[in-house]
Amino acid sequence: MKATIWHNPRCSKSREALAILRETPGIELQVIEYLSTPPTAAVLASLYARAEMSVRDGLRKAEPGAKALAGAGDEAILAAMADDPILIERPLVETAKGVRLARPPERVREIL
């Protein structure tokens, strides 16, 4: 099974989810460090739709840039995330079975 993780190596939750993926037999793993290779707004919209979560739930609200998006709509939030990927809550993990925001990291098992 192929799995893609949108990963931040400085994030402990992201490292824990990555470890789960690496320990799972039969996983063909793609690691995307999203801070250096950010997803487009369209990719993010697709990931959130597959995860059945709102765009706002994918926003890292503790980041200073998120405060300016308090009243913004989905399109503006997605554009801001694509422009400044630190605003993306992580890690996002995608497999053929779906997408999960792996917080807590064990949630990744739901799609393995």
PDB file of N, CA and C in Angstrom:
ATOM      1  N   MET A   1       0.845  -1.183   0.000  1.00  0.00           N
ATOM      2  CA  MET A   1       0.000   0.000   0.000  1.00  0.00           C
ATOM      3  C   MET A   1       0.885   1.238   0.000  1.00  0.00           C
ATOM      4  N   LYS A   2       0.485   2.220  -0.797  1.00  0.00           N
ATOM      5  CA  LYS A   2       1.201   3.489  -0.849  1.00  0.00           C
ATOM      6  C   LYS A   2       0.643   4.431   0.211  1.00  0.00           C
ATOM      7  N   ALA A   3       1.523   5.136   0.895  1.00  0.00           N
ATOM      8  CA  ALA A   3       1.137   6.146   1.876  1.00  0.00           C
ATOM      9  C   ALA A   3       1.978   7.392   1.648  1.00  0.00           C
ATOM     10  N   THR A   4       1.332   8.533   1.744  1.00  0.00           N
ATOM     11  CA  THR A   4       2.019   9.816   1.640  1.00  0.00           C
ATOM     12  C   THR A   4       1.799  10.561   2.940  1.00  0.00           C
ATOM     13  N   ILE A   5       2.881  11.065   3.507  1.00  0.00           N
ATOM     14  CA  ILE A   5       2.786  11.888   4.713  1.00  0.00           C
ATOM     15  C   ILE A   5       3.303  13.281   4.381  1.00  0.00           C
ATOM     16  N   TRP A   6       2.490  14.275   4.718  1.00  0.00           N
ATOM     17  CA  TRP A   6       2.892  15.675   4.615  1.00  0.00           C
ATOM     18  C   TRP A   6       3.512  15.988   5.969  1.00  0.00           C
ATOM     19  N   HIS A   7       4.827  16.053   5.991  1.00  0.00           N
ATOM     20  CA  HIS A   7       5.631  15.917   7.197  1.00  0.00           C
ATOM     21  C   HIS A   7       6.415  17.179   7.526  1.00  0.00           C
ATOM     22  N   ASN A   8       6.544  17.438   8.833  1.00  0.00           N
ATOM     23  CA  ASN A   8       7.438  18.472   9.351  1.00  0.00           C
ATOM     24  C   ASN A   8       8.373  17.771  10.332  1.00  0.00           C
ATOM     25  N   PRO A   9       9.641  17.604   9.984  1.00  0.00           N
ATOM     26  CA  PRO A   9      10.560  16.857  10.843  1.00  0.00           C
ATOM     27  C   PRO A   9      10.782  17.479  12.222  1.00  0.00           C
ATOM     28  N   ARG A  10      10.421  18.746  12.398  1.00  0.00           N
ATOM     29  CA  ARG A  10      10.571  19.386  13.715  1.00  0.00           C
ATOM     30  C   ARG A  10       9.380  19.127  14.627  1.00  0.00           C
ATOM     31  N   CYS A  11       8.340  18.505  14.114  1.00  0.00           N
ATOM     32  CA  CYS A  11       7.110  18.273  14.873  1.00  0.00           C
ATOM     33  C   CYS A  11       7.108  16.856  15.449  1.00  0.00           C
ATOM     34  N   SER A  12       6.961  16.743  16.757  1.00  0.00           N
ATOM     35  CA  SER A  12       6.992  15.421  17.392  1.00  0.00           C
ATOM     36  C   SER A  12       5.839  14.543  16.925  1.00  0.00           C
ATOM     37  N   LYS A  13       4.658  15.099  16.736  1.00  0.00           N
ATOM     38  CA  LYS A  13       3.506  14.298  16.269  1.00  0.00           C
ATOM     39  C   LYS A  13       3.752  13.790  14.860  1.00  0.00           C
ATOM     40  N   SER A  14       4.353  14.614  14.038  1.00  0.00           N
ATOM     41  CA  SER A  14       4.670  14.209  12.673  1.00  0.00           C
ATOM     42  C   SER A  14       5.729  13.094  12.677  1.00  0.00           C
ATOM     43  N   ARG A  15       6.730  13.233  13.520  1.00  0.00           N
ATOM     44  CA  ARG A  15       7.755  12.180  13.622  1.00  0.00           C
ATOM     45  C   ARG A  15       7.157  10.872  14.123  1.00  0.00           C
ATOM     46  N   GLU A  16       6.223  10.951  15.070  1.00  0.00           N
ATOM     47  CA  GLU A  16       5.583   9.746  15.597  1.00  0.00           C
ATOM     48  C   GLU A  16       4.733   9.063  14.525  1.00  0.00           C
ATOM     49  N   ALA A  17       3.981   9.836  13.756  1.00  0.00           N
ATOM     50  CA  ALA A  17       3.176   9.259  12.676  1.00  0.00           C
ATOM     51  C   ALA A  17       4.081   8.625  11.618  1.00  0.00           C
ATOM     52  N   LEU A  18       5.177   9.284  11.298  1.00  0.00           N
ATOM     53  CA  LEU A  18       6.130   8.735  10.340  1.00  0.00           C
ATOM     54  C   LEU A  18       6.704   7.417  10.843  1.00  0.00           C
ATOM     55  N   ALA A  19       7.006   7.324  12.117  1.00  0.00           N
ATOM     56  CA  ALA A  19       7.530   6.082  12.695  1.00  0.00           C
ATOM     57  C   ALA A  19       6.504   4.954  12.564  1.00  0.00           C
ATOM     58  N   ILE A  20       5.241   5.246  12.801  1.00  0.00           N
ATOM     59  CA  ILE A  20       4.195   4.230  12.645  1.00  0.00           C
ATOM     60  C   ILE A  20       4.161   3.736  11.203  1.00  0.00           C
ATOM     61  N   LEU A  21       4.225   4.662  10.265  1.00  0.00           N
ATOM     62  CA  LEU A  21       4.211   4.276   8.853  1.00  0.00           C
ATOM     63  C   LEU A  21       5.423   3.418   8.503  1.00  0.00           C
ATOM     64  N   ARG A  22       6.585   3.808   8.995  1.00  0.00           N
ATOM     65  CA  ARG A  22       7.805   3.047   8.687  1.00  0.00           C
ATOM     66  C   ARG A  22       7.797   1.661   9.317  1.00  0.00           C
ATOM     67  N   GLU A  23       7.106   1.508  10.426  1.00  0.00           N
ATOM     68  CA  GLU A  23       7.039   0.210  11.110  1.00  0.00           C
ATOM     69  C   GLU A  23       5.973  -0.718  10.522  1.00  0.00           C
ATOM     70  N   THR A  24       5.132  -0.187   9.653  1.00  0.00           N
ATOM     71  CA  THR A  24       4.037  -0.970   9.088  1.00  0.00           C
ATOM     72  C   THR A  24       4.525  -1.728   7.859  1.00  0.00           C
ATOM     73  N   PRO A  25       4.443  -3.066   7.889  1.00  0.00           N
ATOM     74  CA  PRO A  25       4.896  -3.852   6.732  1.00  0.00           C
ATOM     75  C   PRO A  25       4.078  -3.533   5.477  1.00  0.00           C
ATOM     76  N   GLY A  26       4.746  -3.542   4.344  1.00  0.00           N
ATOM     77  CA  GLY A  26       4.074  -3.388   3.059  1.00  0.00           C
ATOM     78  C   GLY A  26       3.744  -1.965   2.660  1.00  0.00           C
ATOM     79  N   ILE A  27       4.247  -0.985   3.388  1.00  0.00           N
ATOM     80  CA  ILE A  27       3.963   0.419   3.060  1.00  0.00           C
ATOM     81  C   ILE A  27       5.032   0.944   2.103  1.00  0.00           C
ATOM     82  N   GLU A  28       4.579   1.483   0.989  1.00  0.00           N
ATOM     83  CA  GLU A  28       5.444   2.211   0.061  1.00  0.00           C
ATOM     84  C   GLU A  28       5.272   3.683   0.423  1.00  0.00           C
ATOM     85  N   LEU A  29       6.266   4.248   1.081  1.00  0.00           N
ATOM     86  CA  LEU A  29       6.121   5.539   1.739  1.00  0.00           C
ATOM     87  C   LEU A  29       6.699   6.687   0.915  1.00  0.00           C
ATOM     88  N   GLN A  30       5.900   7.743   0.804  1.00  0.00           N
ATOM     89  CA  GLN A  30       6.369   8.999   0.225  1.00  0.00           C
ATOM     90  C   GLN A  30       6.303  10.049   1.329  1.00  0.00           C
ATOM     91  N   VAL A  31       7.433  10.671   1.609  1.00  0.00           N
ATOM     92  CA  VAL A  31       7.508  11.709   2.640  1.00  0.00           C
ATOM     93  C   VAL A  31       7.679  13.050   1.934  1.00  0.00           C
ATOM     94  N   ILE A  32       6.742  13.950   2.181  1.00  0.00           N
ATOM     95  CA  ILE A  32       6.815  15.296   1.607  1.00  0.00           C
ATOM     96  C   ILE A  32       6.985  16.281   2.751  1.00  0.00           C
ATOM     97  N   GLU A  33       8.119  16.928   2.780  1.00  0.00           N
ATOM     98  CA  GLU A  33       8.353  17.974   3.785  1.00  0.00           C
ATOM     99  C   GLU A  33       7.644  19.235   3.276  1.00  0.00           C
ATOM    100  N   TYR A  34       6.446  19.430   3.765  1.00  0.00           N
ATOM    101  CA  TYR A  34       5.554  20.429   3.187  1.00  0.00           C
ATOM    102  C   TYR A  34       6.014  21.865   3.385  1.00  0.00           C
ATOM    103  N   LEU A  35       6.911  22.114   4.330  1.00  0.00           N
ATOM    104  CA  LEU A  35       7.403  23.485   4.490  1.00  0.00           C
ATOM    105  C   LEU A  35       8.299  23.893   3.330  1.00  0.00           C
ATOM    106  N   SER A  36       9.015  22.924   2.755  1.00  0.00           N
ATOM    107  CA  SER A  36       9.873  23.229   1.608  1.00  0.00           C
ATOM    108  C   SER A  36       9.195  22.896   0.281  1.00  0.00           C
ATOM    109  N   THR A  37       8.196  22.015   0.313  1.00  0.00           N
ATOM    110  CA  THR A  37       7.430  21.655  -0.875  1.00  0.00           C
ATOM    111  C   THR A  37       5.945  21.758  -0.522  1.00  0.00           C
ATOM    112  N   PRO A  38       5.426  22.974  -0.458  1.00  0.00           N
ATOM    113  CA  PRO A  38       4.047  23.140   0.008  1.00  0.00           C
ATOM    114  C   PRO A  38       3.027  22.637  -1.013  1.00  0.00           C
ATOM    115  N   PRO A  39       1.927  22.083  -0.506  1.00  0.00           N
ATOM    116  CA  PRO A  39       0.848  21.689  -1.406  1.00  0.00           C
ATOM    117  C   PRO A  39       0.121  22.918  -1.928  1.00  0.00           C
ATOM    118  N   THR A  40      -0.512  22.778  -3.075  1.00  0.00           N
ATOM    119  CA  THR A  40      -1.323  23.865  -3.611  1.00  0.00           C
ATOM    120  C   THR A  40      -2.636  23.935  -2.839  1.00  0.00           C
ATOM    121  N   ALA A  41      -3.338  25.019  -3.026  1.00  0.00           N
ATOM    122  CA  ALA A  41      -4.655  25.157  -2.401  1.00  0.00           C
ATOM    123  C   ALA A  41      -5.585  24.039  -2.878  1.00  0.00           C
ATOM    124  N   ALA A  42      -5.492  23.662  -4.150  1.00  0.00           N
ATOM    125  CA  ALA A  42      -6.349  22.599  -4.690  1.00  0.00           C
ATOM    126  C   ALA A  42      -6.020  21.250  -4.053  1.00  0.00           C
ATOM    127  N   VAL A  43      -4.741  20.966  -3.856  1.00  0.00           N
ATOM    128  CA  VAL A  43      -4.344  19.709  -3.205  1.00  0.00           C
ATOM    129  C   VAL A  43      -4.859  19.688  -1.770  1.00  0.00           C
ATOM    130  N   LEU A  44      -4.687  20.786  -1.052  1.00  0.00           N
ATOM    131  CA  LEU A  44      -5.192  20.856   0.320  1.00  0.00           C
ATOM    132  C   LEU A  44      -6.701  20.655   0.373  1.00  0.00           C
ATOM    133  N   ALA A  45      -7.427  21.300  -0.527  1.00  0.00           N
ATOM    134  CA  ALA A  45      -8.888  21.150  -0.557  1.00  0.00           C
ATOM    135  C   ALA A  45      -9.263  19.689  -0.770  1.00  0.00           C
ATOM    136  N   SER A  46      -8.551  19.024  -1.649  1.00  0.00           N
ATOM    137  CA  SER A  46      -8.817  17.604  -1.920  1.00  0.00           C
ATOM    138  C   SER A  46      -8.511  16.743  -0.699  1.00  0.00           C
ATOM    139  N   LEU A  47      -7.387  16.999  -0.048  1.00  0.00           N
ATOM    140  CA  LEU A  47      -7.026  16.234   1.152  1.00  0.00           C
ATOM    141  C   LEU A  47      -8.071  16.407   2.250  1.00  0.00           C
ATOM    142  N   TYR A  48      -8.491  17.638   2.491  1.00  0.00           N
ATOM    143  CA  TYR A  48      -9.481  17.885   3.537  1.00  0.00           C
ATOM    144  C   TYR A  48     -10.822  17.252   3.195  1.00  0.00           C
ATOM    145  N   ALA A  49     -11.202  17.289   1.932  1.00  0.00           N
ATOM    146  CA  ALA A  49     -12.461  16.658   1.524  1.00  0.00           C
ATOM    147  C   ALA A  49     -12.399  15.151   1.759  1.00  0.00           C
ATOM    148  N   ARG A  50     -11.282  14.520   1.379  1.00  0.00           N
ATOM    149  CA  ARG A  50     -11.136  13.076   1.597  1.00  0.00           C
ATOM    150  C   ARG A  50     -11.080  12.740   3.077  1.00  0.00           C
ATOM    151  N   ALA A  51     -10.569  13.639   3.892  1.00  0.00           N
ATOM    152  CA  ALA A  51     -10.496  13.418   5.337  1.00  0.00           C
ATOM    153  C   ALA A  51     -11.828  13.717   6.015  1.00  0.00           C
ATOM    154  N   GLU A  52     -12.764  14.290   5.254  1.00  0.00           N
ATOM    155  CA  GLU A  52     -14.061  14.705   5.787  1.00  0.00           C
ATOM    156  C   GLU A  52     -13.891  15.677   6.960  1.00  0.00           C
ATOM    157  N   MET A  53     -12.998  16.630   6.737  1.00  0.00           N
ATOM    158  CA  MET A  53     -12.768  17.664   7.744  1.00  0.00           C
ATOM    159  C   MET A  53     -12.876  19.034   7.078  1.00  0.00           C
ATOM    160  N   SER A  54     -13.160  20.021   7.864  1.00  0.00           N
ATOM    161  CA  SER A  54     -13.280  21.369   7.312  1.00  0.00           C
ATOM    162  C   SER A  54     -11.895  21.960   7.077  1.00  0.00           C
ATOM    163  N   VAL A  55     -11.857  22.906   6.172  1.00  0.00           N
ATOM    164  CA  VAL A  55     -10.607  23.621   5.903  1.00  0.00           C
ATOM    165  C   VAL A  55     -10.125  24.299   7.183  1.00  0.00           C
ATOM    166  N   ARG A  56     -11.038  24.883   7.924  1.00  0.00           N
ATOM    167  CA  ARG A  56     -10.676  25.570   9.171  1.00  0.00           C
ATOM    168  C   ARG A  56     -10.058  24.594  10.167  1.00  0.00           C
ATOM    169  N   ASP A  57     -10.512  23.330  10.183  1.00  0.00           N
ATOM    170  CA  ASP A  57      -9.915  22.330  11.075  1.00  0.00           C
ATOM    171  C   ASP A  57      -8.482  21.985  10.664  1.00  0.00           C
ATOM    172  N   GLY A  58      -8.134  22.265   9.420  1.00  0.00           N
ATOM    173  CA  GLY A  58      -6.771  22.032   8.945  1.00  0.00           C
ATOM    174  C   GLY A  58      -5.844  23.202   9.180  1.00  0.00           C
ATOM    175  N   LEU A  59      -6.372  24.280   9.739  1.00  0.00           N
ATOM    176  CA  LEU A  59      -5.586  25.486  10.005  1.00  0.00           C
ATOM    177  C   LEU A  59      -4.920  25.386  11.364  1.00  0.00           C
ATOM    178  N   ARG A  60      -3.642  25.656  11.400  1.00  0.00           N
ATOM    179  CA  ARG A  60      -2.884  25.667  12.648  1.00  0.00           C
ATOM    180  C   ARG A  60      -3.162  26.985  13.362  1.00  0.00           C
ATOM    181  N   LYS A  61      -4.157  26.969  14.215  1.00  0.00           N
ATOM    182  CA  LYS A  61      -4.699  28.194  14.807  1.00  0.00           C
ATOM    183  C   LYS A  61      -3.737  28.927  15.730  1.00  0.00           C
ATOM    184  N   ALA A  62      -2.745  28.248  16.256  1.00  0.00           N
ATOM    185  CA  ALA A  62      -1.798  28.883  17.175  1.00  0.00           C
ATOM    186  C   ALA A  62      -0.779  29.759  16.447  1.00  0.00           C
ATOM    187  N   GLU A  63      -0.696  29.626  15.133  1.00  0.00           N
ATOM    188  CA  GLU A  63       0.268  30.431  14.374  1.00  0.00           C
ATOM    189  C   GLU A  63      -0.219  31.875  14.257  1.00  0.00           C
ATOM    190  N   PRO A  64       0.694  32.842  14.370  1.00  0.00           N
ATOM    191  CA  PRO A  64       0.298  34.248  14.272  1.00  0.00           C
ATOM    192  C   PRO A  64      -0.490  34.568  12.994  1.00  0.00           C
ATOM    193  N   GLY A  65      -0.117  33.986  11.869  1.00  0.00           N
ATOM    194  CA  GLY A  65      -0.810  34.254  10.611  1.00  0.00           C
ATOM    195  C   GLY A  65      -2.242  33.755  10.591  1.00  0.00           C
ATOM    196  N   ALA A  66      -2.580  32.819  11.445  1.00  0.00           N
ATOM    197  CA  ALA A  66      -3.939  32.265  11.481  1.00  0.00           C
ATOM    198  C   ALA A  66      -4.935  33.257  12.062  1.00  0.00           C
ATOM    199  N   LYS A  67      -4.472  34.099  12.950  1.00  0.00           N
ATOM    200  CA  LYS A  67      -5.373  35.059  13.590  1.00  0.00           C
ATOM    201  C   LYS A  67      -6.012  36.002  12.566  1.00  0.00           C
ATOM    202  N   ALA A  68      -5.273  36.348  11.536  1.00  0.00           N
ATOM    203  CA  ALA A  68      -5.791  37.233  10.490  1.00  0.00           C
ATOM    204  C   ALA A  68      -6.867  36.546   9.652  1.00  0.00           C
ATOM    205  N   LEU A  69      -6.993  35.238   9.772  1.00  0.00           N
ATOM    206  CA  LEU A  69      -7.964  34.476   8.978  1.00  0.00           C
ATOM    207  C   LEU A  69      -9.234  34.151   9.762  1.00  0.00           C
ATOM    208  N   ALA A  70      -9.418  34.784  10.904  1.00  0.00           N
ATOM    209  CA  ALA A  70     -10.542  34.474  11.789  1.00  0.00           C
ATOM    210  C   ALA A  70     -11.892  34.511  11.067  1.00  0.00           C
ATOM    211  N   GLY A  71     -12.130  35.488  10.233  1.00  0.00           N
ATOM    212  CA  GLY A  71     -13.414  35.598   9.546  1.00  0.00           C
ATOM    213  C   GLY A  71     -13.362  35.175   8.093  1.00  0.00           C
ATOM    214  N   ALA A  72     -12.260  34.591   7.673  1.00  0.00           N
ATOM    215  CA  ALA A  72     -12.058  34.260   6.262  1.00  0.00           C
ATOM    216  C   ALA A  72     -12.823  33.002   5.859  1.00  0.00           C
ATOM    217  N   GLY A  73     -13.121  32.922   4.581  1.00  0.00           N
ATOM    218  CA  GLY A  73     -13.756  31.740   4.012  1.00  0.00           C
ATOM    219  C   GLY A  73     -12.715  30.698   3.626  1.00  0.00           C
ATOM    220  N   ASP A  74     -13.210  29.555   3.196  1.00  0.00           N
ATOM    221  CA  ASP A  74     -12.324  28.433   2.858  1.00  0.00           C
ATOM    222  C   ASP A  74     -11.293  28.783   1.800  1.00  0.00           C
ATOM    223  N   GLU A  75     -11.707  29.474   0.759  1.00  0.00           N
ATOM    224  CA  GLU A  75     -10.779  29.799  -0.342  1.00  0.00           C
ATOM    225  C   GLU A  75      -9.616  30.664   0.159  1.00  0.00           C
ATOM    226  N   ALA A  76      -9.915  31.633   0.991  1.00  0.00           N
ATOM    227  CA  ALA A  76      -8.871  32.510   1.526  1.00  0.00           C
ATOM    228  C   ALA A  76      -7.942  31.739   2.460  1.00  0.00           C
ATOM    229  N   ILE A  77      -8.508  30.844   3.256  1.00  0.00           N
ATOM    230  CA  ILE A  77      -7.685  30.038   4.165  1.00  0.00           C
ATOM    231  C   ILE A  77      -6.770  29.114   3.371  1.00  0.00           C
ATOM    232  N   LEU A  78      -7.310  28.446   2.362  1.00  0.00           N
ATOM    233  CA  LEU A  78      -6.498  27.555   1.527  1.00  0.00           C
ATOM    234  C   LEU A  78      -5.378  28.321   0.829  1.00  0.00           C
ATOM    235  N   ALA A  79      -5.693  29.500   0.304  1.00  0.00           N
ATOM    236  CA  ALA A  79      -4.674  30.319  -0.359  1.00  0.00           C
ATOM    237  C   ALA A  79      -3.579  30.716   0.628  1.00  0.00           C
ATOM    238  N   ALA A  80      -3.976  31.088   1.847  1.00  0.00           N
ATOM    239  CA  ALA A  80      -2.990  31.465   2.868  1.00  0.00           C
ATOM    240  C   ALA A  80      -2.104  30.279   3.239  1.00  0.00           C
ATOM    241  N   MET A  81      -2.703  29.089   3.360  1.00  0.00           N
ATOM    242  CA  MET A  81      -1.924  27.891   3.684  1.00  0.00           C
ATOM    243  C   MET A  81      -0.929  27.559   2.580  1.00  0.00           C
ATOM    244  N   ALA A  82      -1.364  27.676   1.335  1.00  0.00           N
ATOM    245  CA  ALA A  82      -0.476  27.384   0.215  1.00  0.00           C
ATOM    246  C   ALA A  82       0.678  28.391   0.156  1.00  0.00           C
ATOM    247  N   ASP A  83       0.369  29.633   0.519  1.00  0.00           N
ATOM    248  CA  ASP A  83       1.375  30.691   0.499  1.00  0.00           C
ATOM    249  C   ASP A  83       2.320  30.616   1.700  1.00  0.00           C
ATOM    250  N   ASP A  84       1.794  30.219   2.846  1.00  0.00           N
ATOM    251  CA  ASP A  84       2.566  30.137   4.085  1.00  0.00           C
ATOM    252  C   ASP A  84       2.267  28.794   4.757  1.00  0.00           C
ATOM    253  N   PRO A  85       2.948  27.717   4.333  1.00  0.00           N
ATOM    254  CA  PRO A  85       2.586  26.362   4.773  1.00  0.00           C
ATOM    255  C   PRO A  85       2.729  26.094   6.269  1.00  0.00           C
ATOM    256  N   ILE A  86       3.349  26.991   7.019  1.00  0.00           N
ATOM    257  CA  ILE A  86       3.403  26.800   8.469  1.00  0.00           C
ATOM    258  C   ILE A  86       1.990  26.828   9.055  1.00  0.00           C
ATOM    259  N   LEU A  87       1.035  27.366   8.301  1.00  0.00           N
ATOM    260  CA  LEU A  87      -0.358  27.442   8.744  1.00  0.00           C
ATOM    261  C   LEU A  87      -1.094  26.105   8.640  1.00  0.00           C
ATOM    262  N   ILE A  88      -0.471  25.105   8.014  1.00  0.00           N
ATOM    263  CA  ILE A  88      -1.108  23.797   7.831  1.00  0.00           C
ATOM    264  C   ILE A  88      -0.897  22.949   9.076  1.00  0.00           C
ATOM    265  N   GLU A  89      -1.992  22.474   9.649  1.00  0.00           N
ATOM    266  CA  GLU A  89      -1.901  21.538  10.776  1.00  0.00           C
ATOM    267  C   GLU A  89      -1.343  20.229  10.246  1.00  0.00           C
ATOM    268  N   ARG A  90      -0.471  19.614  11.015  1.00  0.00           N
ATOM    269  CA  ARG A  90       0.207  18.409  10.541  1.00  0.00           C
ATOM    270  C   ARG A  90       0.221  17.336  11.610  1.00  0.00           C
ATOM    271  N   PRO A  91       0.533  16.129  11.167  1.00  0.00           N
ATOM    272  CA  PRO A  91       0.798  15.649   9.808  1.00  0.00           C
ATOM    273  C   PRO A  91      -0.481  15.163   9.127  1.00  0.00           C
ATOM    274  N   LEU A  92      -0.556  15.372   7.838  1.00  0.00           N
ATOM    275  CA  LEU A  92      -1.619  14.791   7.027  1.00  0.00           C
ATOM    276  C   LEU A  92      -1.055  13.528   6.393  1.00  0.00           C
ATOM    277  N   VAL A  93      -1.818  12.454   6.438  1.00  0.00           N
ATOM    278  CA  VAL A  93      -1.395  11.182   5.854  1.00  0.00           C
ATOM    279  C   VAL A  93      -2.483  10.715   4.901  1.00  0.00           C
ATOM    280  N   GLU A  94      -2.065  10.305   3.704  1.00  0.00           N
ATOM    281  CA  GLU A  94      -2.997   9.863   2.675  1.00  0.00           C
ATOM    282  C   GLU A  94      -2.650   8.453   2.223  1.00  0.00           C
ATOM    283  N   THR A  95      -3.663   7.594   2.144  1.00  0.00           N
ATOM    284  CA  THR A  95      -3.541   6.261   1.551  1.00  0.00           C
ATOM    285  C   THR A  95      -4.768   6.053   0.659  1.00  0.00           C
ATOM    286  N   ALA A  96      -4.825   4.906   0.027  1.00  0.00           N
ATOM    287  CA  ALA A  96      -5.993   4.578  -0.794  1.00  0.00           C
ATOM    288  C   ALA A  96      -7.260   4.492   0.058  1.00  0.00           C
ATOM    289  N   LYS A  97      -7.106   4.288   1.352  1.00  0.00           N
ATOM    290  CA  LYS A  97      -8.257   4.155   2.254  1.00  0.00           C
ATOM    291  C   LYS A  97      -8.747   5.492   2.805  1.00  0.00           C
ATOM    292  N   GLY A  98      -8.032   6.583   2.518  1.00  0.00           N
ATOM    293  CA  GLY A  98      -8.473   7.885   2.993  1.00  0.00           C
ATOM    294  C   GLY A  98      -7.341   8.782   3.430  1.00  0.00           C
ATOM    295  N   VAL A  99      -7.719   9.858   4.089  1.00  0.00           N
ATOM    296  CA  VAL A  99      -6.769  10.853   4.595  1.00  0.00           C
ATOM    297  C   VAL A  99      -7.084  11.088   6.061  1.00  0.00           C
ATOM    298  N   ARG A 100      -6.045  11.224   6.866  1.00  0.00           N
ATOM    299  CA  ARG A 100      -6.222  11.550   8.276  1.00  0.00           C
ATOM    300  C   ARG A 100      -5.242  12.637   8.680  1.00  0.00           C
ATOM    301  N   LEU A 101      -5.728  13.527   9.521  1.00  0.00           N
ATOM    302  CA  LEU A 101      -4.849  14.419  10.262  1.00  0.00           C
ATOM    303  C   LEU A 101      -4.416  13.578  11.448  1.00  0.00           C
ATOM    304  N   ALA A 102      -3.172  13.192  11.476  1.00  0.00           N
ATOM    305  CA  ALA A 102      -2.678  12.223  12.465  1.00  0.00           C
ATOM    306  C   ALA A 102      -2.345  12.906  13.786  1.00  0.00           C
ATOM    307  N   ARG A 103      -3.365  13.434  14.398  1.00  0.00           N
ATOM    308  CA  ARG A 103      -3.267  14.029  15.732  1.00  0.00           C
ATOM    309  C   ARG A 103      -4.395  13.454  16.556  1.00  0.00           C
ATOM    310  N   PRO A 104      -4.155  12.510  17.390  1.00  0.00           N
ATOM    311  CA  PRO A 104      -2.866  11.924  17.738  1.00  0.00           C
ATOM    312  C   PRO A 104      -2.335  11.027  16.615  1.00  0.00           C
ATOM    313  N   PRO A 105      -1.037  10.755  16.631  1.00  0.00           N
ATOM    314  CA  PRO A 105      -0.400   9.997  15.559  1.00  0.00           C
ATOM    315  C   PRO A 105      -1.042   8.632  15.289  1.00  0.00           C
ATOM    316  N   GLU A 106      -1.615   8.017  16.304  1.00  0.00           N
ATOM    317  CA  GLU A 106      -2.222   6.690  16.148  1.00  0.00           C
ATOM    318  C   GLU A 106      -3.394   6.702  15.172  1.00  0.00           C
ATOM    319  N   ARG A 107      -3.953   7.856  14.892  1.00  0.00           N
ATOM    320  CA  ARG A 107      -5.063   7.944  13.932  1.00  0.00           C
ATOM    321  C   ARG A 107      -4.673   7.466  12.548  1.00  0.00           C
ATOM    322  N   VAL A 108      -3.376   7.481  12.265  1.00  0.00           N
ATOM    323  CA  VAL A 108      -2.924   7.007  10.957  1.00  0.00           C
ATOM    324  C   VAL A 108      -3.297   5.540  10.729  1.00  0.00           C
ATOM    325  N   ARG A 109      -3.412   4.781  11.791  1.00  0.00           N
ATOM    326  CA  ARG A 109      -3.766   3.350  11.668  1.00  0.00           C
ATOM    327  C   ARG A 109      -5.157   3.143  11.077  1.00  0.00           C
ATOM    328  N   GLU A 110      -6.019   4.153  11.183  1.00  0.00           N
ATOM    329  CA  GLU A 110      -7.378   4.055  10.650  1.00  0.00           C
ATOM    330  C   GLU A 110      -7.394   3.882   9.138  1.00  0.00           C
ATOM    331  N   ILE A 111      -6.327   4.304   8.468  1.00  0.00           N
ATOM    332  CA  ILE A 111      -6.300   4.247   6.999  1.00  0.00           C
ATOM    333  C   ILE A 111      -5.205   3.316   6.480  1.00  0.00           C
ATOM    334  N   LEU A 112      -4.718   2.444   7.325  1.00  0.00           N
ATOM    335  CA  LEU A 112      -3.706   1.465   6.905  1.00  0.00           C
ATOM    336  C   LEU A 112      -4.346   0.113   6.661  1.00  0.00           C
TER     337      LEU A 112
END
